[in-house]
Amino acid sequence: MPRAIRARWHRVPLARFVQGGVIPTTTDALPSELLRTWARPEAAELGVFYALVAPDYAAVAESYVRAQQAAQPSN
């Protein structure tokens, strides 16, 4: 299928959503809006799912965990 047709198939439904009052957002923003705050008991579990759709978040989370491990005093 030509690129122009694919682009139109994307734009037309999006325009209908906007006419209906929907505010377009990104895949990255949606889980963040649903979560609202990380200050909740299940935040770590939800972070695992967020990392599946946001690879950059997964990299930051991995970096944070490694930094915490490196900061622990050696026994």
PDB file of N, CA and C in Angstrom:
ATOM      1  N   MET A   1       0.840  -1.170   0.000  1.00  0.00           N
ATOM      2  CA  MET A   1       0.000   0.000   0.000  1.00  0.00           C
ATOM      3  C   MET A   1       0.893   1.244   0.000  1.00  0.00           C
ATOM      4  N   PRO A   2       0.617   2.199  -0.868  1.00  0.00           N
ATOM      5  CA  PRO A   2       1.434   3.408  -0.942  1.00  0.00           C
ATOM      6  C   PRO A   2       1.394   4.206   0.364  1.00  0.00           C
ATOM      7  N   ARG A   3       2.497   4.885   0.620  1.00  0.00           N
ATOM      8  CA  ARG A   3       2.633   5.665   1.858  1.00  0.00           C
ATOM      9  C   ARG A   3       1.537   6.726   1.987  1.00  0.00           C
ATOM     10  N   ALA A   4       1.177   7.388   0.895  1.00  0.00           N
ATOM     11  CA  ALA A   4       0.163   8.450   0.941  1.00  0.00           C
ATOM     12  C   ALA A   4      -1.181   7.906   1.416  1.00  0.00           C
ATOM     13  N   ILE A   5      -1.526   6.712   0.972  1.00  0.00           N
ATOM     14  CA  ILE A   5      -2.800   6.113   1.386  1.00  0.00           C
ATOM     15  C   ILE A   5      -2.746   5.748   2.866  1.00  0.00           C
ATOM     16  N   ARG A   6      -1.629   5.182   3.308  1.00  0.00           N
ATOM     17  CA  ARG A   6      -1.495   4.840   4.735  1.00  0.00           C
ATOM     18  C   ARG A   6      -1.597   6.088   5.594  1.00  0.00           C
ATOM     19  N   ALA A   7      -0.970   7.170   5.153  1.00  0.00           N
ATOM     20  CA  ALA A   7      -1.012   8.419   5.919  1.00  0.00           C
ATOM     21  C   ALA A   7      -2.440   8.943   6.011  1.00  0.00           C
ATOM     22  N   ARG A   8      -3.180   8.846   4.927  1.00  0.00           N
ATOM     23  CA  ARG A   8      -4.580   9.302   4.936  1.00  0.00           C
ATOM     24  C   ARG A   8      -5.407   8.443   5.875  1.00  0.00           C
ATOM     25  N   TRP A   9      -5.185   7.141   5.869  1.00  0.00           N
ATOM     26  CA  TRP A   9      -5.922   6.244   6.764  1.00  0.00           C
ATOM     27  C   TRP A   9      -5.653   6.596   8.218  1.00  0.00           C
ATOM     28  N   HIS A  10      -4.510   7.158   8.489  1.00  0.00           N
ATOM     29  CA  HIS A  10      -4.186   7.569   9.851  1.00  0.00           C
ATOM     30  C   HIS A  10      -4.816   8.923  10.178  1.00  0.00           C
ATOM     31  N   ARG A  11      -4.744   9.851   9.241  1.00  0.00           N
ATOM     32  CA  ARG A  11      -5.227  11.213   9.503  1.00  0.00           C
ATOM     33  C   ARG A  11      -6.740  11.303   9.633  1.00  0.00           C
ATOM     34  N   VAL A  12      -7.476  10.587   8.805  1.00  0.00           N
ATOM     35  CA  VAL A  12      -8.940  10.705   8.805  1.00  0.00           C
ATOM     36  C   VAL A  12      -9.544  10.277  10.143  1.00  0.00           C
ATOM     37  N   PRO A  13      -9.234   9.095  10.656  1.00  0.00           N
ATOM     38  CA  PRO A  13      -9.807   8.742  11.967  1.00  0.00           C
ATOM     39  C   PRO A  13      -9.347   9.688  13.076  1.00  0.00           C
ATOM     40  N   LEU A  14      -8.100  10.137  13.006  1.00  0.00           N
ATOM     41  CA  LEU A  14      -7.596  11.064  14.013  1.00  0.00           C
ATOM     42  C   LEU A  14      -8.392  12.368  13.976  1.00  0.00           C
ATOM     43  N   ALA A  15      -8.692  12.856  12.781  1.00  0.00           N
ATOM     44  CA  ALA A  15      -9.492  14.079  12.647  1.00  0.00           C
ATOM     45  C   ALA A  15     -10.888  13.877  13.230  1.00  0.00           C
ATOM     46  N   ARG A  16     -11.465  12.706  13.055  1.00  0.00           N
ATOM     47  CA  ARG A  16     -12.785  12.422  13.639  1.00  0.00           C
ATOM     48  C   ARG A  16     -12.724  12.438  15.158  1.00  0.00           C
ATOM     49  N   PHE A  17     -11.681  11.869  15.712  1.00  0.00           N
ATOM     50  CA  PHE A  17     -11.528  11.888  17.171  1.00  0.00           C
ATOM     51  C   PHE A  17     -11.438  13.329  17.679  1.00  0.00           C
ATOM     52  N   VAL A  18     -10.642  14.150  16.985  1.00  0.00           N
ATOM     53  CA  VAL A  18     -10.470  15.545  17.397  1.00  0.00           C
ATOM     54  C   VAL A  18     -11.802  16.281  17.313  1.00  0.00           C
ATOM     55  N   GLN A  19     -12.581  16.030  16.260  1.00  0.00           N
ATOM     56  CA  GLN A  19     -13.902  16.652  16.142  1.00  0.00           C
ATOM     57  C   GLN A  19     -14.797  16.260  17.313  1.00  0.00           C
ATOM     58  N   GLY A  20     -14.617  15.063  17.815  1.00  0.00           N
ATOM     59  CA  GLY A  20     -15.412  14.581  18.943  1.00  0.00           C
ATOM     60  C   GLY A  20     -14.904  15.055  20.292  1.00  0.00           C
ATOM     61  N   GLY A  21     -13.820  15.833  20.304  1.00  0.00           N
ATOM     62  CA  GLY A  21     -13.318  16.383  21.548  1.00  0.00           C
ATOM     63  C   GLY A  21     -12.140  15.645  22.153  1.00  0.00           C
ATOM     64  N   VAL A  22     -11.651  14.617  21.464  1.00  0.00           N
ATOM     65  CA  VAL A  22     -10.504  13.865  21.971  1.00  0.00           C
ATOM     66  C   VAL A  22      -9.234  14.687  21.777  1.00  0.00           C
ATOM     67  N   ILE A  23      -8.371  14.667  22.772  1.00  0.00           N
ATOM     68  CA  ILE A  23      -7.079  15.338  22.665  1.00  0.00           C
ATOM     69  C   ILE A  23      -6.033  14.269  22.360  1.00  0.00           C
ATOM     70  N   PRO A  24      -5.441  14.297  21.155  1.00  0.00           N
ATOM     71  CA  PRO A  24      -4.452  13.275  20.801  1.00  0.00           C
ATOM     72  C   PRO A  24      -3.252  13.312  21.749  1.00  0.00           C
ATOM     73  N   THR A  25      -2.710  12.162  22.016  1.00  0.00           N
ATOM     74  CA  THR A  25      -1.542  12.048  22.875  1.00  0.00           C
ATOM     75  C   THR A  25      -0.631  10.974  22.304  1.00  0.00           C
ATOM     76  N   THR A  26       0.484  10.740  22.940  1.00  0.00           N
ATOM     77  CA  THR A  26       1.415   9.724  22.464  1.00  0.00           C
ATOM     78  C   THR A  26       1.280   8.458  23.295  1.00  0.00           C
ATOM     79  N   THR A  27       1.817   7.386  22.778  1.00  0.00           N
ATOM     80  CA  THR A  27       1.817   6.125  23.514  1.00  0.00           C
ATOM     81  C   THR A  27       2.582   6.280  24.817  1.00  0.00           C
ATOM     82  N   ASP A  28       3.610   7.087  24.798  1.00  0.00           N
ATOM     83  CA  ASP A  28       4.416   7.317  25.994  1.00  0.00           C
ATOM     84  C   ASP A  28       3.635   8.072  27.068  1.00  0.00           C
ATOM     85  N   ALA A  29       2.834   9.032  26.671  1.00  0.00           N
ATOM     86  CA  ALA A  29       2.109   9.857  27.639  1.00  0.00           C
ATOM     87  C   ALA A  29       0.932   9.124  28.268  1.00  0.00           C
ATOM     88  N   LEU A  30       0.323   8.208  27.543  1.00  0.00           N
ATOM     89  CA  LEU A  30      -0.873   7.532  28.049  1.00  0.00           C
ATOM     90  C   LEU A  30      -0.628   6.777  29.352  1.00  0.00           C
ATOM     91  N   PRO A  31       0.366   5.896  29.434  1.00  0.00           N
ATOM     92  CA  PRO A  31       0.581   5.214  30.721  1.00  0.00           C
ATOM     93  C   PRO A  31       0.917   6.184  31.849  1.00  0.00           C
ATOM     94  N   SER A  32       1.620   7.250  31.534  1.00  0.00           N
ATOM     95  CA  SER A  32       1.954   8.241  32.560  1.00  0.00           C
ATOM     96  C   SER A  32       0.698   8.906  33.100  1.00  0.00           C
ATOM     97  N   GLU A  33      -0.222   9.228  32.215  1.00  0.00           N
ATOM     98  CA  GLU A  33      -1.476   9.836  32.653  1.00  0.00           C
ATOM     99  C   GLU A  33      -2.305   8.851  33.472  1.00  0.00           C
ATOM    100  N   LEU A  34      -2.306   7.595  33.075  1.00  0.00           N
ATOM    101  CA  LEU A  34      -3.070   6.597  33.825  1.00  0.00           C
ATOM    102  C   LEU A  34      -2.478   6.380  35.210  1.00  0.00           C
ATOM    103  N   LEU A  35      -1.176   6.399  35.301  1.00  0.00           N
ATOM    104  CA  LEU A  35      -0.503   6.169  36.580  1.00  0.00           C
ATOM    105  C   LEU A  35      -0.645   7.378  37.501  1.00  0.00           C
ATOM    106  N   ARG A  36      -0.555   8.561  36.965  1.00  0.00           N
ATOM    107  CA  ARG A  36      -0.643   9.831  37.690  1.00  0.00           C
ATOM    108  C   ARG A  36       0.513  10.068  38.653  1.00  0.00           C
ATOM    109  N   THR A  37       0.827   9.126  39.521  1.00  0.00           N
ATOM    110  CA  THR A  37       1.897   9.313  40.493  1.00  0.00           C
ATOM    111  C   THR A  37       2.602   7.991  40.750  1.00  0.00           C
ATOM    112  N   TRP A  38       3.892   8.092  41.025  1.00  0.00           N
ATOM    113  CA  TRP A  38       4.651   6.884  41.364  1.00  0.00           C
ATOM    114  C   TRP A  38       4.556   6.599  42.858  1.00  0.00           C
ATOM    115  N   ALA A  39       3.936   7.489  43.619  1.00  0.00           N
ATOM    116  CA  ALA A  39       3.824   7.327  45.069  1.00  0.00           C
ATOM    117  C   ALA A  39       2.616   6.458  45.412  1.00  0.00           C
ATOM    118  N   ARG A  40       2.643   5.241  44.975  1.00  0.00           N
ATOM    119  CA  ARG A  40       1.565   4.299  45.268  1.00  0.00           C
ATOM    120  C   ARG A  40       2.171   2.919  45.406  1.00  0.00           C
ATOM    121  N   PRO A  41       1.521   2.025  46.136  1.00  0.00           N
ATOM    122  CA  PRO A  41       2.105   0.711  46.430  1.00  0.00           C
ATOM    123  C   PRO A  41       2.435  -0.120  45.189  1.00  0.00           C
ATOM    124  N   GLU A  42       1.611  -0.038  44.169  1.00  0.00           N
ATOM    125  CA  GLU A  42       1.815  -0.884  42.986  1.00  0.00           C
ATOM    126  C   GLU A  42       2.657  -0.213  41.901  1.00  0.00           C
ATOM    127  N   ALA A  43       3.297   0.895  42.210  1.00  0.00           N
ATOM    128  CA  ALA A  43       4.057   1.646  41.207  1.00  0.00           C
ATOM    129  C   ALA A  43       5.167   0.814  40.571  1.00  0.00           C
ATOM    130  N   ALA A  44       5.889   0.034  41.346  1.00  0.00           N
ATOM    131  CA  ALA A  44       6.986  -0.769  40.785  1.00  0.00           C
ATOM    132  C   ALA A  44       6.453  -1.800  39.798  1.00  0.00           C
ATOM    133  N   GLU A  45       5.321  -2.412  40.129  1.00  0.00           N
ATOM    134  CA  GLU A  45       4.722  -3.398  39.215  1.00  0.00           C
ATOM    135  C   GLU A  45       4.257  -2.724  37.928  1.00  0.00           C
ATOM    136  N   LEU A  46       3.661  -1.544  38.048  1.00  0.00           N
ATOM    137  CA  LEU A  46       3.210  -0.825  36.860  1.00  0.00           C
ATOM    138  C   LEU A  46       4.393  -0.347  36.023  1.00  0.00           C
ATOM    139  N   GLY A  47       5.510  -0.071  36.678  1.00  0.00           N
ATOM    140  CA  GLY A  47       6.710   0.341  35.964  1.00  0.00           C
ATOM    141  C   GLY A  47       7.210  -0.724  35.006  1.00  0.00           C
ATOM    142  N   VAL A  48       7.013  -1.989  35.374  1.00  0.00           N
ATOM    143  CA  VAL A  48       7.411  -3.095  34.490  1.00  0.00           C
ATOM    144  C   VAL A  48       6.630  -3.014  33.180  1.00  0.00           C
ATOM    145  N   PHE A  49       5.330  -2.756  33.265  1.00  0.00           N
ATOM    146  CA  PHE A  49       4.511  -2.658  32.056  1.00  0.00           C
ATOM    147  C   PHE A  49       4.840  -1.390  31.268  1.00  0.00           C
ATOM    148  N   TYR A  50       5.102  -0.304  31.989  1.00  0.00           N
ATOM    149  CA  TYR A  50       5.467   0.946  31.327  1.00  0.00           C
ATOM    150  C   TYR A  50       6.760   0.767  30.533  1.00  0.00           C
ATOM    151  N   ALA A  51       7.687   0.008  31.078  1.00  0.00           N
ATOM    152  CA  ALA A  51       8.964  -0.233  30.397  1.00  0.00           C
ATOM    153  C   ALA A  51       8.768  -0.993  29.083  1.00  0.00           C
ATOM    154  N   LEU A  52       7.699  -1.765  28.981  1.00  0.00           N
ATOM    155  CA  LEU A  52       7.433  -2.503  27.741  1.00  0.00           C
ATOM    156  C   LEU A  52       7.068  -1.571  26.589  1.00  0.00           C
ATOM    157  N   VAL A  53       6.394  -0.460  26.890  1.00  0.00           N
ATOM    158  CA  VAL A  53       5.990   0.470  25.827  1.00  0.00           C
ATOM    159  C   VAL A  53       6.919   1.672  25.725  1.00  0.00           C
ATOM    160  N   ALA A  54       7.806   1.829  26.702  1.00  0.00           N
ATOM    161  CA  ALA A  54       8.722   2.969  26.709  1.00  0.00           C
ATOM    162  C   ALA A  54      10.141   2.479  26.970  1.00  0.00           C
ATOM    163  N   PRO A  55      10.847   2.039  25.929  1.00  0.00           N
ATOM    164  CA  PRO A  55      12.205   1.520  26.112  1.00  0.00           C
ATOM    165  C   PRO A  55      13.151   2.509  26.795  1.00  0.00           C
ATOM    166  N   ASP A  56      12.953   3.802  26.567  1.00  0.00           N
ATOM    167  CA  ASP A  56      13.807   4.792  27.236  1.00  0.00           C
ATOM    168  C   ASP A  56      13.610   4.735  28.746  1.00  0.00           C
ATOM    169  N   TYR A  57      12.367   4.539  29.167  1.00  0.00           N
ATOM    170  CA  TYR A  57      12.096   4.408  30.602  1.00  0.00           C
ATOM    171  C   TYR A  57      12.789   3.166  31.153  1.00  0.00           C
ATOM    172  N   ALA A  58      12.750   2.086  30.407  1.00  0.00           N
ATOM    173  CA  ALA A  58      13.406   0.848  30.847  1.00  0.00           C
ATOM    174  C   ALA A  58      14.899   1.086  31.052  1.00  0.00           C
ATOM    175  N   ALA A  59      15.516   1.838  30.156  1.00  0.00           N
ATOM    176  CA  ALA A  59      16.950   2.121  30.278  1.00  0.00           C
ATOM    177  C   ALA A  59      17.242   2.976  31.512  1.00  0.00           C
ATOM    178  N   VAL A  60      16.398   3.964  31.771  1.00  0.00           N
ATOM    179  CA  VAL A  60      16.587   4.815  32.951  1.00  0.00           C
ATOM    180  C   VAL A  60      16.393   4.002  34.224  1.00  0.00           C
ATOM    181  N   ALA A  61      15.368   3.146  34.244  1.00  0.00           N
ATOM    182  CA  ALA A  61      15.115   2.318  35.424  1.00  0.00           C
ATOM    183  C   ALA A  61      16.297   1.383  35.689  1.00  0.00           C
ATOM    184  N   GLU A  62      16.831   0.786  34.630  1.00  0.00           N
ATOM    185  CA  GLU A  62      17.983  -0.104  34.788  1.00  0.00           C
ATOM    186  C   GLU A  62      19.192   0.670  35.315  1.00  0.00           C
ATOM    187  N   SER A  63      19.404   1.860  34.790  1.00  0.00           N
ATOM    188  CA  SER A  63      20.517   2.690  35.246  1.00  0.00           C
ATOM    189  C   SER A  63      20.359   3.050  36.722  1.00  0.00           C
ATOM    190  N   TYR A  64      19.151   3.371  37.126  1.00  0.00           N
ATOM    191  CA  TYR A  64      18.886   3.718  38.528  1.00  0.00           C
ATOM    192  C   TYR A  64      19.174   2.536  39.449  1.00  0.00           C
ATOM    193  N   VAL A  65      18.693   1.360  39.069  1.00  0.00           N
ATOM    194  CA  VAL A  65      18.912   0.163  39.893  1.00  0.00           C
ATOM    195  C   VAL A  65      20.403  -0.129  40.018  1.00  0.00           C
ATOM    196  N   ARG A  66      21.129  -0.031  38.926  1.00  0.00           N
ATOM    197  CA  ARG A  66      22.577  -0.292  38.971  1.00  0.00           C
ATOM    198  C   ARG A  66      23.310   0.743  39.830  1.00  0.00           C
ATOM    199  N   ALA A  67      22.883   1.995  39.758  1.00  0.00           N
ATOM    200  CA  ALA A  67      23.506   3.031  40.581  1.00  0.00           C
ATOM    201  C   ALA A  67      23.244   2.771  42.058  1.00  0.00           C
ATOM    202  N   GLN A  68      22.034   2.335  42.379  1.00  0.00           N
ATOM    203  CA  GLN A  68      21.710   2.017  43.773  1.00  0.00           C
ATOM    204  C   GLN A  68      22.552   0.842  44.269  1.00  0.00           C
ATOM    205  N   GLN A  69      22.729  -0.155  43.415  1.00  0.00           N
ATOM    206  CA  GLN A  69      23.540  -1.320  43.794  1.00  0.00           C
ATOM    207  C   GLN A  69      25.000  -0.916  43.992  1.00  0.00           C
ATOM    208  N   ALA A  70      25.503  -0.049  43.137  1.00  0.00           N
ATOM    209  CA  ALA A  70      26.895   0.385  43.242  1.00  0.00           C
ATOM    210  C   ALA A  70      27.123   1.240  44.491  1.00  0.00           C
ATOM    211  N   ALA A  71      26.083   1.930  44.942  1.00  0.00           N
ATOM    212  CA  ALA A  71      26.214   2.794  46.113  1.00  0.00           C
ATOM    213  C   ALA A  71      26.161   2.023  47.431  1.00  0.00           C
ATOM    214  N   GLN A  72      25.742   0.768  47.375  1.00  0.00           N
ATOM    215  CA  GLN A  72      25.669  -0.041  48.598  1.00  0.00           C
ATOM    216  C   GLN A  72      27.078  -0.338  49.092  1.00  0.00           C
ATOM    217  N   PRO A  73      27.285  -0.217  50.404  1.00  0.00           N
ATOM    218  CA  PRO A  73      28.613  -0.536  50.939  1.00  0.00           C
ATOM    219  C   PRO A  73      28.929  -2.020  50.764  1.00  0.00           C
ATOM    220  N   SER A  74      30.165  -2.312  50.450  1.00  0.00           N
ATOM    221  CA  SER A  74      30.595  -3.711  50.290  1.00  0.00           C
ATOM    222  C   SER A  74      30.743  -4.348  51.659  1.00  0.00           C
ATOM    223  N   ASN A  75      30.388  -5.612  51.748  1.00  0.00           N
ATOM    224  CA  ASN A  75      30.533  -6.340  53.025  1.00  0.00           C
ATOM    225  C   ASN A  75      31.831  -7.069  53.079  1.00  0.00           C
TER     226      ASN A  75
END
